[in-house]
Amino acid sequence: MVASIKPYRDELGLGDGRMLIDGRWTAAADEATWSHRHPATGEQVAEFPVASPADVDRAVRAARQAFDEGPWPRARANERVRVLRTIADLVRQHADELLKLQALDNSVPLSFGEIYAMSAGFVADVFDHHAVPGR
């Protein structure tokens, strides 16, 4: 008998997903979705939109506009460092939550992230690395 993952999903407050395009959470333009099932139990974890070519085009246009016209390309180095380090700190603060989400996504045991120093700590280190000016 396999234990249910639903209590863990509910503890995290995980619900159906949306795409973030141009600063707004949205469904797929054609409303296509897929149901993510936990590999070990077969239970539905959540439902997510499937991006259509039109969704991808919208996302790429919004990202290009945000980069070209937004504050990032004109930000001073110290401001970029502050933003990247803030992201790294947030990833570390939410390491347990991110590890639980990874376990729901692909059945990686919770101990995997701790034993192999993967997941959140690794991601935070990447942001810290790129926060160093001159890299």
C-alpha atoms as a PDB file:
ATOM      1  CA  MET A   1       0.000   0.000   0.000  1.00  0.00           C
ATOM      2  CA  VAL A   2       1.360   3.409  -0.994  1.00  0.00           C
ATOM      3  CA  ALA A   3       0.843   6.373   1.326  1.00  0.00           C
ATOM      4  CA  SER A   4      -1.018   9.346  -0.069  1.00  0.00           C
ATOM      5  CA  ILE A   5       0.857  12.508  -1.002  1.00  0.00           C
ATOM      6  CA  LYS A   6      -2.263  14.655  -0.670  1.00  0.00           C
ATOM      7  CA  PRO A   7      -1.587  15.747   2.948  1.00  0.00           C
ATOM      8  CA  TYR A   8       1.863  17.002   1.879  1.00  0.00           C
ATOM      9  CA  ARG A   9       0.413  18.802  -1.132  1.00  0.00           C
ATOM     10  CA  ASP A  10      -2.250  20.411   1.031  1.00  0.00           C
ATOM     11  CA  GLU A  11       0.277  21.360   3.746  1.00  0.00           C
ATOM     12  CA  LEU A  12       2.207  23.344   1.127  1.00  0.00           C
ATOM     13  CA  GLY A  13      -0.971  24.963  -0.148  1.00  0.00           C
ATOM     14  CA  LEU A  14      -0.197  23.730  -3.650  1.00  0.00           C
ATOM     15  CA  GLY A  15      -3.008  24.282  -6.094  1.00  0.00           C
ATOM     16  CA  ASP A  16      -3.446  24.363  -9.816  1.00  0.00           C
ATOM     17  CA  GLY A  17      -0.840  26.369 -11.691  1.00  0.00           C
ATOM     18  CA  ARG A  18      -0.876  29.358 -13.979  1.00  0.00           C
ATOM     19  CA  MET A  19       1.681  30.881 -16.351  1.00  0.00           C
ATOM     20  CA  LEU A  20       3.268  34.212 -15.457  1.00  0.00           C
ATOM     21  CA  ILE A  21       3.293  36.295 -18.628  1.00  0.00           C
ATOM     22  CA  ASP A  22       3.830  40.046 -18.664  1.00  0.00           C
ATOM     23  CA  GLY A  23       3.421  40.267 -14.903  1.00  0.00           C
ATOM     24  CA  ARG A  24       0.062  38.479 -14.838  1.00  0.00           C
ATOM     25  CA  TRP A  25      -0.877  34.930 -13.870  1.00  0.00           C
ATOM     26  CA  THR A  26      -2.849  33.437 -16.734  1.00  0.00           C
ATOM     27  CA  ALA A  27      -4.231  30.237 -18.204  1.00  0.00           C
ATOM     28  CA  ALA A  28      -3.122  29.024 -21.620  1.00  0.00           C
ATOM     29  CA  ALA A  29      -4.666  30.976 -24.489  1.00  0.00           C
ATOM     30  CA  ASP A  30      -6.398  27.831 -25.740  1.00  0.00           C
ATOM     31  CA  GLU A  31      -7.104  26.720 -22.144  1.00  0.00           C
ATOM     32  CA  ALA A  32      -5.145  23.471 -22.657  1.00  0.00           C
ATOM     33  CA  THR A  33      -3.976  21.837 -19.405  1.00  0.00           C
ATOM     34  CA  TRP A  34      -2.148  18.766 -18.224  1.00  0.00           C
ATOM     35  CA  SER A  35      -2.542  16.933 -14.967  1.00  0.00           C
ATOM     36  CA  HIS A  36       0.671  16.299 -13.053  1.00  0.00           C
ATOM     37  CA  ARG A  37       0.602  12.972 -11.272  1.00  0.00           C
ATOM     38  CA  HIS A  38       2.968  11.953  -8.509  1.00  0.00           C
ATOM     39  CA  PRO A  39       5.235   9.240  -9.949  1.00  0.00           C
ATOM     40  CA  ALA A  40       5.127   7.013  -6.863  1.00  0.00           C
ATOM     41  CA  THR A  41       1.407   7.130  -6.078  1.00  0.00           C
ATOM     42  CA  GLY A  42      -0.256   8.111  -9.338  1.00  0.00           C
ATOM     43  CA  GLU A  43      -2.274  10.741  -7.465  1.00  0.00           C
ATOM     44  CA  GLN A  44      -2.983  14.071  -9.106  1.00  0.00           C
ATOM     45  CA  VAL A  45      -0.748  16.755  -7.622  1.00  0.00           C
ATOM     46  CA  ALA A  46      -2.067  19.698  -9.617  1.00  0.00           C
ATOM     47  CA  GLU A  47      -3.190  20.827 -13.048  1.00  0.00           C
ATOM     48  CA  PHE A  48      -1.063  23.172 -15.157  1.00  0.00           C
ATOM     49  CA  PRO A  49      -1.548  25.134 -18.378  1.00  0.00           C
ATOM     50  CA  VAL A  50       0.130  23.959 -21.570  1.00  0.00           C
ATOM     51  CA  ALA A  51       1.657  26.935 -23.354  1.00  0.00           C
ATOM     52  CA  SER A  52       0.610  27.284 -26.962  1.00  0.00           C
ATOM     53  CA  PRO A  53       2.831  28.946 -29.578  1.00  0.00           C
ATOM     54  CA  ALA A  54       0.783  32.125 -29.020  1.00  0.00           C
ATOM     55  CA  ASP A  55       1.525  31.972 -25.263  1.00  0.00           C
ATOM     56  CA  VAL A  56       5.240  31.521 -25.947  1.00  0.00           C
ATOM     57  CA  ASP A  57       5.235  34.472 -28.365  1.00  0.00           C
ATOM     58  CA  ARG A  58       3.475  36.647 -25.762  1.00  0.00           C
ATOM     59  CA  ALA A  59       5.951  35.613 -23.088  1.00  0.00           C
ATOM     60  CA  VAL A  60       8.988  36.282 -25.301  1.00  0.00           C
ATOM     61  CA  ARG A  61       7.642  39.705 -26.363  1.00  0.00           C
ATOM     62  CA  ALA A  62       6.930  40.638 -22.732  1.00  0.00           C
ATOM     63  CA  ALA A  63      10.377  39.483 -21.587  1.00  0.00           C
ATOM     64  CA  ARG A  64      12.105  41.374 -24.398  1.00  0.00           C
ATOM     65  CA  GLN A  65      10.156  44.542 -23.584  1.00  0.00           C
ATOM     66  CA  ALA A  66      10.841  44.181 -19.860  1.00  0.00           C
ATOM     67  CA  PHE A  67      14.552  43.797 -20.507  1.00  0.00           C
ATOM     68  CA  ASP A  68      14.796  46.596 -23.089  1.00  0.00           C
ATOM     69  CA  GLU A  69      12.546  49.090 -21.314  1.00  0.00           C
ATOM     70  CA  GLY A  70      12.603  47.948 -17.686  1.00  0.00           C
ATOM     71  CA  PRO A  71      14.983  49.004 -14.923  1.00  0.00           C
ATOM     72  CA  TRP A  72      17.431  46.050 -15.079  1.00  0.00           C
ATOM     73  CA  PRO A  73      19.629  47.123 -18.019  1.00  0.00           C
ATOM     74  CA  ARG A  74      20.095  50.571 -16.455  1.00  0.00           C
ATOM     75  CA  ALA A  75      20.557  49.346 -12.885  1.00  0.00           C
ATOM     76  CA  ARG A  76      23.902  50.025 -11.262  1.00  0.00           C
ATOM     77  CA  ALA A  77      26.070  47.067 -10.307  1.00  0.00           C
ATOM     78  CA  ASN A  78      25.366  47.449  -6.576  1.00  0.00           C
ATOM     79  CA  GLU A  79      21.600  47.308  -7.230  1.00  0.00           C
ATOM     80  CA  ARG A  80      21.961  44.162  -9.348  1.00  0.00           C
ATOM     81  CA  VAL A  81      24.096  42.579  -6.607  1.00  0.00           C
ATOM     82  CA  ARG A  82      21.432  43.445  -4.017  1.00  0.00           C
ATOM     83  CA  VAL A  83      18.660  41.857  -6.123  1.00  0.00           C
ATOM     84  CA  LEU A  84      20.634  38.661  -6.834  1.00  0.00           C
ATOM     85  CA  ARG A  85      21.671  38.265  -3.187  1.00  0.00           C
ATOM     86  CA  THR A  86      18.075  38.841  -2.069  1.00  0.00           C
ATOM     87  CA  ILE A  87      16.963  36.030  -4.373  1.00  0.00           C
ATOM     88  CA  ALA A  88      19.692  33.759  -2.985  1.00  0.00           C
ATOM     89  CA  ASP A  89      18.606  34.557   0.584  1.00  0.00           C
ATOM     90  CA  LEU A  90      14.942  33.858  -0.237  1.00  0.00           C
ATOM     91  CA  VAL A  91      15.834  30.518  -1.820  1.00  0.00           C
ATOM     92  CA  ARG A  92      17.768  29.542   1.330  1.00  0.00           C
ATOM     93  CA  GLN A  93      14.920  30.708   3.599  1.00  0.00           C
ATOM     94  CA  HIS A  94      12.444  28.556   1.669  1.00  0.00           C
ATOM     95  CA  ALA A  95      14.766  25.545   1.207  1.00  0.00           C
ATOM     96  CA  ASP A  96      12.491  23.103   3.059  1.00  0.00           C
ATOM     97  CA  GLU A  97       9.440  24.181   1.076  1.00  0.00           C
ATOM     98  CA  LEU A  98      11.335  23.907  -2.219  1.00  0.00           C
ATOM     99  CA  LEU A  99      12.588  20.434  -1.294  1.00  0.00           C
ATOM    100  CA  LYS A 100       9.026  19.310  -0.505  1.00  0.00           C
ATOM    101  CA  LEU A 101       7.828  20.711  -3.849  1.00  0.00           C
ATOM    102  CA  GLN A 102      10.594  18.801  -5.616  1.00  0.00           C
ATOM    103  CA  ALA A 103       9.522  15.615  -3.843  1.00  0.00           C
ATOM    104  CA  LEU A 104       5.927  16.146  -4.985  1.00  0.00           C
ATOM    105  CA  ASP A 105       7.119  16.830  -8.515  1.00  0.00           C
ATOM    106  CA  ASN A 106       9.356  13.846  -9.114  1.00  0.00           C
ATOM    107  CA  SER A 107       9.374  11.608  -6.018  1.00  0.00           C
ATOM    108  CA  VAL A 108      12.879  12.605  -4.960  1.00  0.00           C
ATOM    109  CA  PRO A 109      13.178  11.576  -1.301  1.00  0.00           C
ATOM    110  CA  LEU A 110      13.383  14.516   1.088  1.00  0.00           C
ATOM    111  CA  SER A 111      16.722  13.180   2.313  1.00  0.00           C
ATOM    112  CA  PHE A 112      18.208  13.464  -1.193  1.00  0.00           C
ATOM    113  CA  GLY A 113      18.545  17.233  -1.026  1.00  0.00           C
ATOM    114  CA  GLU A 114      20.147  17.095   2.386  1.00  0.00           C
ATOM    115  CA  ILE A 115      22.512  14.207   1.639  1.00  0.00           C
ATOM    116  CA  TYR A 116      23.743  15.453  -1.712  1.00  0.00           C
ATOM    117  CA  ALA A 117      23.665  19.201  -0.924  1.00  0.00           C
ATOM    118  CA  MET A 118      21.451  19.753  -3.925  1.00  0.00           C
ATOM    119  CA  SER A 119      18.346  21.754  -4.595  1.00  0.00           C
ATOM    120  CA  ALA A 120      17.898  25.059  -2.801  1.00  0.00           C
ATOM    121  CA  GLY A 121      21.451  25.472  -1.531  1.00  0.00           C
ATOM    122  CA  PHE A 122      22.861  24.822  -4.980  1.00  0.00           C
ATOM    123  CA  VAL A 123      20.432  27.263  -6.606  1.00  0.00           C
ATOM    124  CA  ALA A 124      21.218  29.961  -4.021  1.00  0.00           C
ATOM    125  CA  ASP A 125      24.945  29.481  -4.651  1.00  0.00           C
ATOM    126  CA  VAL A 126      24.408  30.104  -8.369  1.00  0.00           C
ATOM    127  CA  PHE A 127      22.689  33.429  -7.622  1.00  0.00           C
ATOM    128  CA  ASP A 128      25.488  34.364  -5.206  1.00  0.00           C
ATOM    129  CA  HIS A 129      28.086  33.490  -7.843  1.00  0.00           C
ATOM    130  CA  HIS A 130      26.492  35.807 -10.385  1.00  0.00           C
ATOM    131  CA  ALA A 131      26.114  38.574  -7.813  1.00  0.00           C
ATOM    132  CA  VAL A 132      29.884  39.086  -7.790  1.00  0.00           C
ATOM    133  CA  PRO A 133      30.632  42.066 -10.069  1.00  0.00           C
ATOM    134  CA  GLY A 134      32.928  41.340 -12.986  1.00  0.00           C
ATOM    135  CA  ARG A 135      31.718  37.801 -13.663  1.00  0.00           C
END
